[in-house]
Amino acid sequence: MRHLSTARVQSALCVAAAIMLASLTAGTAAVADGLPDPGFEIVQGQTALVITDPQNDFLSPKGVAWGVVGKNVVANGTVGHIDDLFATAKASGMPVFVSPHYYYPTDHGWRFEGALETLMHKIGMFDRKGALTTEGFAGSGADWLEQYKRYINDGQTIVTSPHKVYGPETNDLVLQLRKRGVTKVILAGMSANLCTESHMRELVEQGFEVMVVSDATAAAQLPGLDGYGAALANFRMIASHVADTRTTLEMIRSAPRS
């Protein structure tokens, strides 16, 4: 009797689990990992492309972080994929926002930092001469990757104030998005498990619907530390949708226009 009772309990648990999974995935796409995929619909006038840190220190072989991110940047085709996103968003009339990372001399007076903050300050990552000067900026590690300048410097792209750690809590991205009536964000840029993921988390907390472009980003990969793998797990669990660049470009091109 005890064995039969156990079998009945196990059967009941299986039925309950099936019902719960069905309720979770109702109205959403079924996926191999068992999580629902809420999807993402591009709505004209409400959807924007947000790119984090499209700067030399991350994306140029001459950048100070290339030694730890370069392999993943190349493997993902990150540079070309970000370019494709810029070009397609511009062609479709989608608003484009860039959230940059800058450090001024006064930022080097901070009394405490996290591990990677300490490293970034030590190697002079994203350094600028000051908030009110562009002296030495052109071609520096803090400057845009050269091929992106035609998009970012077109007078239409909204470049926010700099974020200082990883997320947009320290800049005006959320304000700029809300002032433009944006409620939905396509997110890409550098680096995956730091600034890109932090932007995703804060935008979701702020009530935006967010999808992430999985191969238009990259991250540091060190012995025992795979920043890109960590980011992919969190993108999947937190964002409304995750897609590669090719799929995202098709979504943008096929979205209804006013």
C-alpha atoms as a PDB file:
ATOM      1  CA  MET A   1       0.000   0.000   0.000  1.00  0.00           C
ATOM      2  CA  ARG A   2       2.806   2.360   0.862  1.00  0.00           C
ATOM      3  CA  HIS A   3       4.402   1.801  -2.593  1.00  0.00           C
ATOM      4  CA  LEU A   4       1.087   2.427  -4.337  1.00  0.00           C
ATOM      5  CA  SER A   5       0.527   5.601  -2.343  1.00  0.00           C
ATOM      6  CA  THR A   6       3.973   6.859  -3.365  1.00  0.00           C
ATOM      7  CA  ALA A   7       3.247   6.099  -7.006  1.00  0.00           C
ATOM      8  CA  ARG A   8      -0.005   8.021  -6.797  1.00  0.00           C
ATOM      9  CA  VAL A   9       1.744  10.982  -5.227  1.00  0.00           C
ATOM     10  CA  GLN A  10       4.384  10.973  -7.953  1.00  0.00           C
ATOM     11  CA  SER A  11       1.704  10.794 -10.634  1.00  0.00           C
ATOM     12  CA  ALA A  12      -0.165  13.692  -9.076  1.00  0.00           C
ATOM     13  CA  LEU A  13       3.020  15.748  -8.939  1.00  0.00           C
ATOM     14  CA  CYS A  14       3.710  15.068 -12.615  1.00  0.00           C
ATOM     15  CA  VAL A  15       0.199  16.175 -13.553  1.00  0.00           C
ATOM     16  CA  ALA A  16       0.545  19.333 -11.452  1.00  0.00           C
ATOM     17  CA  ALA A  17       3.893  20.134 -13.051  1.00  0.00           C
ATOM     18  CA  ALA A  18       2.419  19.673 -16.529  1.00  0.00           C
ATOM     19  CA  ILE A  19      -0.485  21.979 -15.695  1.00  0.00           C
ATOM     20  CA  MET A  20       1.887  24.616 -14.291  1.00  0.00           C
ATOM     21  CA  LEU A  21       4.133  24.472 -17.348  1.00  0.00           C
ATOM     22  CA  ALA A  22       1.136  24.737 -19.649  1.00  0.00           C
ATOM     23  CA  SER A  23      -0.110  27.800 -17.790  1.00  0.00           C
ATOM     24  CA  LEU A  24       3.321  29.431 -17.927  1.00  0.00           C
ATOM     25  CA  THR A  25       3.676  28.899 -21.654  1.00  0.00           C
ATOM     26  CA  ALA A  26       0.122  29.732 -22.629  1.00  0.00           C
ATOM     27  CA  GLY A  27       0.143  32.235 -25.458  1.00  0.00           C
ATOM     28  CA  THR A  28       3.939  32.107 -25.836  1.00  0.00           C
ATOM     29  CA  ALA A  29       6.315  30.157 -28.011  1.00  0.00           C
ATOM     30  CA  ALA A  30       7.511  26.764 -26.770  1.00  0.00           C
ATOM     31  CA  VAL A  31      11.295  26.506 -26.523  1.00  0.00           C
ATOM     32  CA  ALA A  32      13.774  23.752 -25.785  1.00  0.00           C
ATOM     33  CA  ASP A  33      14.898  25.085 -22.394  1.00  0.00           C
ATOM     34  CA  GLY A  34      11.352  24.916 -21.002  1.00  0.00           C
ATOM     35  CA  LEU A  35      11.051  28.653 -20.356  1.00  0.00           C
ATOM     36  CA  PRO A  36       8.349  30.690 -22.083  1.00  0.00           C
ATOM     37  CA  ASP A  37       9.381  33.079 -24.837  1.00  0.00           C
ATOM     38  CA  PRO A  38       7.108  36.124 -24.543  1.00  0.00           C
ATOM     39  CA  GLY A  39       8.381  37.449 -27.885  1.00  0.00           C
ATOM     40  CA  PHE A  40       8.831  41.039 -28.973  1.00  0.00           C
ATOM     41  CA  GLU A  41       6.801  43.115 -31.410  1.00  0.00           C
ATOM     42  CA  ILE A  42       8.286  46.236 -32.961  1.00  0.00           C
ATOM     43  CA  VAL A  43       5.809  49.092 -32.707  1.00  0.00           C
ATOM     44  CA  GLN A  44       6.449  52.184 -34.800  1.00  0.00           C
ATOM     45  CA  GLY A  45       7.086  55.218 -32.598  1.00  0.00           C
ATOM     46  CA  GLN A  46       7.517  53.127 -29.449  1.00  0.00           C
ATOM     47  CA  THR A  47      10.566  51.000 -30.252  1.00  0.00           C
ATOM     48  CA  ALA A  48      14.201  52.131 -30.180  1.00  0.00           C
ATOM     49  CA  LEU A  49      17.632  50.627 -30.683  1.00  0.00           C
ATOM     50  CA  VAL A  50      19.971  51.129 -27.707  1.00  0.00           C
ATOM     51  CA  ILE A  51      23.698  50.442 -28.098  1.00  0.00           C
ATOM     52  CA  THR A  52      26.002  50.392 -25.084  1.00  0.00           C
ATOM     53  CA  ASP A  53      29.701  51.310 -25.299  1.00  0.00           C
ATOM     54  CA  PRO A  54      30.414  51.073 -29.069  1.00  0.00           C
ATOM     55  CA  GLN A  55      33.897  52.348 -28.282  1.00  0.00           C
ATOM     56  CA  ASN A  56      37.481  51.602 -29.287  1.00  0.00           C
ATOM     57  CA  ASP A  57      38.595  50.230 -25.945  1.00  0.00           C
ATOM     58  CA  PHE A  58      36.162  47.332 -26.395  1.00  0.00           C
ATOM     59  CA  LEU A  59      35.878  46.873 -30.150  1.00  0.00           C
ATOM     60  CA  SER A  60      39.217  47.859 -31.673  1.00  0.00           C
ATOM     61  CA  PRO A  61      42.252  45.554 -31.636  1.00  0.00           C
ATOM     62  CA  LYS A  62      44.093  48.610 -30.299  1.00  0.00           C
ATOM     63  CA  GLY A  63      41.684  48.963 -27.368  1.00  0.00           C
ATOM     64  CA  VAL A  64      42.934  48.296 -23.853  1.00  0.00           C
ATOM     65  CA  ALA A  65      40.334  45.536 -23.251  1.00  0.00           C
ATOM     66  CA  TRP A  66      40.936  43.697 -26.534  1.00  0.00           C
ATOM     67  CA  GLY A  67      43.167  41.121 -24.878  1.00  0.00           C
ATOM     68  CA  VAL A  68      40.239  39.716 -22.881  1.00  0.00           C
ATOM     69  CA  VAL A  69      37.246  40.479 -25.128  1.00  0.00           C
ATOM     70  CA  GLY A  70      38.773  40.310 -28.602  1.00  0.00           C
ATOM     71  CA  LYS A  71      38.414  36.568 -29.130  1.00  0.00           C
ATOM     72  CA  ASN A  72      34.702  36.697 -28.341  1.00  0.00           C
ATOM     73  CA  VAL A  73      34.191  39.861 -30.420  1.00  0.00           C
ATOM     74  CA  VAL A  74      35.675  38.094 -33.438  1.00  0.00           C
ATOM     75  CA  ALA A  75      33.823  34.819 -32.819  1.00  0.00           C
ATOM     76  CA  ASN A  76      30.460  36.601 -32.601  1.00  0.00           C
ATOM     77  CA  GLY A  77      31.100  38.981 -35.479  1.00  0.00           C
ATOM     78  CA  THR A  78      30.134  41.684 -32.994  1.00  0.00           C
ATOM     79  CA  VAL A  79      31.597  44.662 -34.857  1.00  0.00           C
ATOM     80  CA  GLY A  80      29.764  43.879 -38.091  1.00  0.00           C
ATOM     81  CA  HIS A  81      26.539  42.973 -36.330  1.00  0.00           C
ATOM     82  CA  ILE A  82      26.396  46.271 -34.450  1.00  0.00           C
ATOM     83  CA  ASP A  83      27.041  48.044 -37.757  1.00  0.00           C
ATOM     84  CA  ASP A  84      24.155  46.134 -39.356  1.00  0.00           C
ATOM     85  CA  LEU A  85      21.841  47.122 -36.504  1.00  0.00           C
ATOM     86  CA  PHE A  86      22.801  50.802 -36.810  1.00  0.00           C
ATOM     87  CA  ALA A  87      22.305  50.792 -40.589  1.00  0.00           C
ATOM     88  CA  THR A  88      18.978  48.964 -40.548  1.00  0.00           C
ATOM     89  CA  ALA A  89      17.521  51.006 -37.693  1.00  0.00           C
ATOM     90  CA  LYS A  90      18.504  54.226 -39.472  1.00  0.00           C
ATOM     91  CA  ALA A  91      17.010  53.033 -42.773  1.00  0.00           C
ATOM     92  CA  SER A  92      13.734  52.143 -41.056  1.00  0.00           C
ATOM     93  CA  GLY A  93      13.453  55.434 -39.173  1.00  0.00           C
ATOM     94  CA  MET A  94      13.819  53.749 -35.787  1.00  0.00           C
ATOM     95  CA  PRO A  95      15.293  56.068 -33.137  1.00  0.00           C
ATOM     96  CA  VAL A  96      18.798  55.126 -32.023  1.00  0.00           C
ATOM     97  CA  PHE A  97      20.318  55.766 -28.608  1.00  0.00           C
ATOM     98  CA  VAL A  98      23.925  55.302 -27.527  1.00  0.00           C
ATOM     99  CA  SER A  99      24.873  54.981 -23.863  1.00  0.00           C
ATOM    100  CA  PRO A 100      28.642  55.589 -23.605  1.00  0.00           C
ATOM    101  CA  HIS A 101      31.151  54.940 -20.839  1.00  0.00           C
ATOM    102  CA  TYR A 102      33.565  57.764 -19.963  1.00  0.00           C
ATOM    103  CA  TYR A 103      35.920  58.419 -17.080  1.00  0.00           C
ATOM    104  CA  TYR A 104      37.154  61.932 -16.324  1.00  0.00           C
ATOM    105  CA  PRO A 105      40.173  62.774 -14.129  1.00  0.00           C
ATOM    106  CA  THR A 106      37.888  63.426 -11.158  1.00  0.00           C
ATOM    107  CA  ASP A 107      36.531  59.858 -11.408  1.00  0.00           C
ATOM    108  CA  HIS A 108      39.960  58.564 -10.516  1.00  0.00           C
ATOM    109  CA  GLY A 109      39.496  59.998  -7.042  1.00  0.00           C
ATOM    110  CA  TRP A 110      36.943  57.352  -6.055  1.00  0.00           C
ATOM    111  CA  ARG A 111      37.774  55.773  -2.692  1.00  0.00           C
ATOM    112  CA  PHE A 112      36.431  52.286  -3.436  1.00  0.00           C
ATOM    113  CA  GLU A 113      35.723  50.211  -6.540  1.00  0.00           C
ATOM    114  CA  GLY A 114      34.705  46.741  -7.637  1.00  0.00           C
ATOM    115  CA  ALA A 115      37.193  44.367  -9.240  1.00  0.00           C
ATOM    116  CA  LEU A 116      36.659  45.430 -12.835  1.00  0.00           C
ATOM    117  CA  GLU A 117      36.257  49.102 -11.943  1.00  0.00           C
ATOM    118  CA  THR A 118      39.711  48.892 -10.379  1.00  0.00           C
ATOM    119  CA  LEU A 119      41.087  47.280 -13.521  1.00  0.00           C
ATOM    120  CA  MET A 120      39.433  49.796 -15.875  1.00  0.00           C
ATOM    121  CA  HIS A 121      40.848  52.735 -13.943  1.00  0.00           C
ATOM    122  CA  LYS A 122      44.276  51.115 -13.774  1.00  0.00           C
ATOM    123  CA  ILE A 123      44.525  50.605 -17.545  1.00  0.00           C
ATOM    124  CA  GLY A 124      42.973  53.988 -18.413  1.00  0.00           C
ATOM    125  CA  MET A 125      39.888  52.511 -20.047  1.00  0.00           C
ATOM    126  CA  PHE A 126      37.453  55.098 -21.473  1.00  0.00           C
ATOM    127  CA  ASP A 127      39.579  57.957 -20.141  1.00  0.00           C
ATOM    128  CA  ARG A 128      38.848  61.503 -21.277  1.00  0.00           C
ATOM    129  CA  LYS A 129      40.561  64.794 -20.412  1.00  0.00           C
ATOM    130  CA  GLY A 130      37.423  66.239 -18.873  1.00  0.00           C
ATOM    131  CA  ALA A 131      33.658  66.612 -19.128  1.00  0.00           C
ATOM    132  CA  LEU A 132      33.828  69.924 -21.000  1.00  0.00           C
ATOM    133  CA  THR A 133      36.623  69.201 -23.476  1.00  0.00           C
ATOM    134  CA  THR A 134      37.193  66.878 -26.412  1.00  0.00           C
ATOM    135  CA  GLU A 135      40.962  67.377 -26.314  1.00  0.00           C
ATOM    136  CA  GLY A 136      42.601  64.088 -27.193  1.00  0.00           C
ATOM    137  CA  PHE A 137      39.251  62.377 -27.671  1.00  0.00           C
ATOM    138  CA  ALA A 138      39.400  61.628 -31.417  1.00  0.00           C
ATOM    139  CA  GLY A 139      40.847  58.184 -31.971  1.00  0.00           C
ATOM    140  CA  SER A 140      41.232  57.499 -28.258  1.00  0.00           C
ATOM    141  CA  GLY A 141      39.950  54.410 -26.478  1.00  0.00           C
ATOM    142  CA  ALA A 142      36.870  56.361 -25.400  1.00  0.00           C
ATOM    143  CA  ASP A 143      36.031  57.384 -28.977  1.00  0.00           C
ATOM    144  CA  TRP A 144      33.523  55.565 -31.171  1.00  0.00           C
ATOM    145  CA  LEU A 145      34.776  52.797 -33.398  1.00  0.00           C
ATOM    146  CA  GLU A 146      35.534  54.627 -36.645  1.00  0.00           C
ATOM    147  CA  GLN A 147      33.001  52.780 -38.799  1.00  0.00           C
ATOM    148  CA  TYR A 148      30.160  53.731 -36.443  1.00  0.00           C
ATOM    149  CA  LYS A 149      30.778  57.470 -36.583  1.00  0.00           C
ATOM    150  CA  ARG A 150      28.621  57.949 -39.691  1.00  0.00           C
ATOM    151  CA  TYR A 151      25.655  56.672 -37.687  1.00  0.00           C
ATOM    152  CA  ILE A 152      26.367  58.201 -34.290  1.00  0.00           C
ATOM    153  CA  ASN A 153      27.489  61.626 -35.529  1.00  0.00           C
ATOM    154  CA  ASP A 154      24.582  62.113 -37.950  1.00  0.00           C
ATOM    155  CA  GLY A 155      22.800  64.654 -35.753  1.00  0.00           C
ATOM    156  CA  GLN A 156      19.904  62.255 -35.145  1.00  0.00           C
ATOM    157  CA  THR A 157      21.335  59.666 -32.766  1.00  0.00           C
ATOM    158  CA  ILE A 158      20.666  60.424 -29.110  1.00  0.00           C
ATOM    159  CA  VAL A 159      23.939  60.114 -27.193  1.00  0.00           C
ATOM    160  CA  THR A 160      23.230  60.065 -23.478  1.00  0.00           C
ATOM    161  CA  SER A 161      25.400  61.321 -20.675  1.00  0.00           C
ATOM    162  CA  PRO A 162      27.967  58.678 -19.670  1.00  0.00           C
ATOM    163  CA  HIS A 163      27.215  55.824 -17.331  1.00  0.00           C
ATOM    164  CA  LYS A 164      29.900  55.487 -14.696  1.00  0.00           C
ATOM    165  CA  VAL A 165      29.800  51.874 -13.550  1.00  0.00           C
ATOM    166  CA  TYR A 166      27.703  49.523 -15.696  1.00  0.00           C
ATOM    167  CA  GLY A 167      24.037  50.476 -15.757  1.00  0.00           C
ATOM    168  CA  PRO A 168      21.986  53.519 -16.817  1.00  0.00           C
ATOM    169  CA  GLU A 169      21.172  54.423 -13.230  1.00  0.00           C
ATOM    170  CA  THR A 170      24.032  56.942 -13.457  1.00  0.00           C
ATOM    171  CA  ASN A 171      23.047  58.570 -16.760  1.00  0.00           C
ATOM    172  CA  ASP A 172      19.981  60.029 -18.488  1.00  0.00           C
ATOM    173  CA  LEU A 173      19.075  57.131 -20.805  1.00  0.00           C
ATOM    174  CA  VAL A 174      15.734  56.391 -19.132  1.00  0.00           C
ATOM    175  CA  LEU A 175      14.759  60.062 -19.211  1.00  0.00           C
ATOM    176  CA  GLN A 176      15.702  60.358 -22.876  1.00  0.00           C
ATOM    177  CA  LEU A 177      13.732  57.228 -23.782  1.00  0.00           C
ATOM    178  CA  ARG A 178      10.628  58.373 -21.918  1.00  0.00           C
ATOM    179  CA  LYS A 179      10.791  61.865 -23.418  1.00  0.00           C
ATOM    180  CA  ARG A 180      10.716  60.230 -26.875  1.00  0.00           C
ATOM    181  CA  GLY A 181       7.757  58.014 -26.007  1.00  0.00           C
ATOM    182  CA  VAL A 182       9.831  54.834 -26.187  1.00  0.00           C
ATOM    183  CA  THR A 183       8.468  51.823 -24.300  1.00  0.00           C
ATOM    184  CA  LYS A 184      10.251  48.999 -26.142  1.00  0.00           C
ATOM    185  CA  VAL A 185      14.028  48.564 -26.501  1.00  0.00           C
ATOM    186  CA  ILE A 186      16.202  46.461 -28.786  1.00  0.00           C
ATOM    187  CA  LEU A 187      19.471  46.229 -26.854  1.00  0.00           C
ATOM    188  CA  ALA A 188      23.008  45.457 -28.045  1.00  0.00           C
ATOM    189  CA  GLY A 189      26.578  46.626 -27.506  1.00  0.00           C
ATOM    190  CA  MET A 190      29.413  45.997 -25.081  1.00  0.00           C
ATOM    191  CA  SER A 191      30.107  44.278 -22.899  1.00  0.00           C
ATOM    192  CA  ALA A 192      27.620  41.459 -22.530  1.00  0.00           C
ATOM    193  CA  ASN A 193      27.663  40.594 -18.823  1.00  0.00           C
ATOM    194  CA  LEU A 194      28.550  44.094 -17.627  1.00  0.00           C
ATOM    195  CA  CYS A 195      27.088  47.215 -19.239  1.00  0.00           C
ATOM    196  CA  THR A 196      24.723  45.458 -21.645  1.00  0.00           C
ATOM    197  CA  GLU A 197      23.268  43.172 -18.997  1.00  0.00           C
ATOM    198  CA  SER A 198      23.098  45.990 -16.452  1.00  0.00           C
ATOM    199  CA  HIS A 199      21.206  48.146 -18.955  1.00  0.00           C
ATOM    200  CA  MET A 200      18.805  45.284 -19.612  1.00  0.00           C
ATOM    201  CA  ARG A 201      18.141  44.789 -15.914  1.00  0.00           C
ATOM    202  CA  GLU A 202      17.516  48.464 -15.161  1.00  0.00           C
ATOM    203  CA  LEU A 203      15.351  49.026 -18.242  1.00  0.00           C
ATOM    204  CA  VAL A 204      13.212  46.034 -17.289  1.00  0.00           C
ATOM    205  CA  GLU A 205      12.928  47.367 -13.720  1.00  0.00           C
ATOM    206  CA  GLN A 206      11.912  50.742 -15.155  1.00  0.00           C
ATOM    207  CA  GLY A 207       9.019  49.156 -17.052  1.00  0.00           C
ATOM    208  CA  PHE A 208      10.472  48.902 -20.558  1.00  0.00           C
ATOM    209  CA  GLU A 209       9.986  45.846 -22.743  1.00  0.00           C
ATOM    210  CA  VAL A 210      13.445  44.659 -23.745  1.00  0.00           C
ATOM    211  CA  MET A 211      14.860  42.242 -26.293  1.00  0.00           C
ATOM    212  CA  VAL A 212      18.596  41.544 -26.563  1.00  0.00           C
ATOM    213  CA  VAL A 213      20.569  40.821 -29.737  1.00  0.00           C
ATOM    214  CA  SER A 214      22.728  37.889 -28.694  1.00  0.00           C
ATOM    215  CA  ASP A 215      25.561  38.153 -31.226  1.00  0.00           C
ATOM    216  CA  ALA A 216      25.785  41.949 -31.339  1.00  0.00           C
ATOM    217  CA  THR A 217      27.622  41.843 -28.032  1.00  0.00           C
ATOM    218  CA  ALA A 218      30.593  40.030 -26.513  1.00  0.00           C
ATOM    219  CA  ALA A 219      32.396  39.742 -23.199  1.00  0.00           C
ATOM    220  CA  ALA A 220      35.634  38.964 -21.436  1.00  0.00           C
ATOM    221  CA  GLN A 221      36.536  35.292 -21.341  1.00  0.00           C
ATOM    222  CA  LEU A 222      39.157  34.314 -18.790  1.00  0.00           C
ATOM    223  CA  PRO A 223      40.171  31.002 -17.206  1.00  0.00           C
ATOM    224  CA  GLY A 224      37.131  29.922 -15.207  1.00  0.00           C
ATOM    225  CA  LEU A 225      35.244  33.128 -16.059  1.00  0.00           C
ATOM    226  CA  ASP A 226      33.026  33.198 -19.137  1.00  0.00           C
ATOM    227  CA  GLY A 227      31.337  36.586 -19.169  1.00  0.00           C
ATOM    228  CA  TYR A 228      29.513  35.871 -22.416  1.00  0.00           C
ATOM    229  CA  GLY A 229      28.056  32.576 -21.228  1.00  0.00           C
ATOM    230  CA  ALA A 230      26.883  34.206 -18.014  1.00  0.00           C
ATOM    231  CA  ALA A 231      25.214  37.009 -19.947  1.00  0.00           C
ATOM    232  CA  LEU A 232      23.380  34.660 -22.319  1.00  0.00           C
ATOM    233  CA  ALA A 233      21.805  32.850 -19.369  1.00  0.00           C
ATOM    234  CA  ASN A 234      20.600  36.098 -17.824  1.00  0.00           C
ATOM    235  CA  PHE A 235      19.420  37.567 -21.143  1.00  0.00           C
ATOM    236  CA  ARG A 236      17.248  34.484 -21.619  1.00  0.00           C
ATOM    237  CA  MET A 237      15.839  34.540 -18.108  1.00  0.00           C
ATOM    238  CA  ILE A 238      15.144  38.281 -17.867  1.00  0.00           C
ATOM    239  CA  ALA A 239      14.499  39.806 -21.308  1.00  0.00           C
ATOM    240  CA  SER A 240      11.215  39.439 -23.170  1.00  0.00           C
ATOM    241  CA  HIS A 241      13.054  37.979 -26.161  1.00  0.00           C
ATOM    242  CA  VAL A 242      16.575  37.106 -27.315  1.00  0.00           C
ATOM    243  CA  ALA A 243      17.450  36.830 -31.011  1.00  0.00           C
ATOM    244  CA  ASP A 244      20.509  36.898 -33.239  1.00  0.00           C
ATOM    245  CA  THR A 245      21.300  39.820 -35.526  1.00  0.00           C
ATOM    246  CA  ARG A 246      19.937  38.224 -38.677  1.00  0.00           C
ATOM    247  CA  THR A 247      16.555  37.601 -37.075  1.00  0.00           C
ATOM    248  CA  THR A 248      16.500  41.071 -35.537  1.00  0.00           C
ATOM    249  CA  LEU A 249      17.223  42.747 -38.871  1.00  0.00           C
ATOM    250  CA  GLU A 250      14.344  40.825 -40.447  1.00  0.00           C
ATOM    251  CA  MET A 251      12.072  41.967 -37.618  1.00  0.00           C
ATOM    252  CA  ILE A 252      13.040  45.610 -38.125  1.00  0.00           C
ATOM    253  CA  ARG A 253      12.646  45.483 -41.914  1.00  0.00           C
ATOM    254  CA  SER A 254       9.268  43.772 -41.767  1.00  0.00           C
ATOM    255  CA  ALA A 255       7.802  45.939 -38.992  1.00  0.00           C
ATOM    256  CA  PRO A 256       4.820  48.077 -40.062  1.00  0.00           C
ATOM    257  CA  ARG A 257       5.686  51.720 -40.702  1.00  0.00           C
ATOM    258  CA  SER A 258       3.443  54.725 -40.240  1.00  0.00           C
END
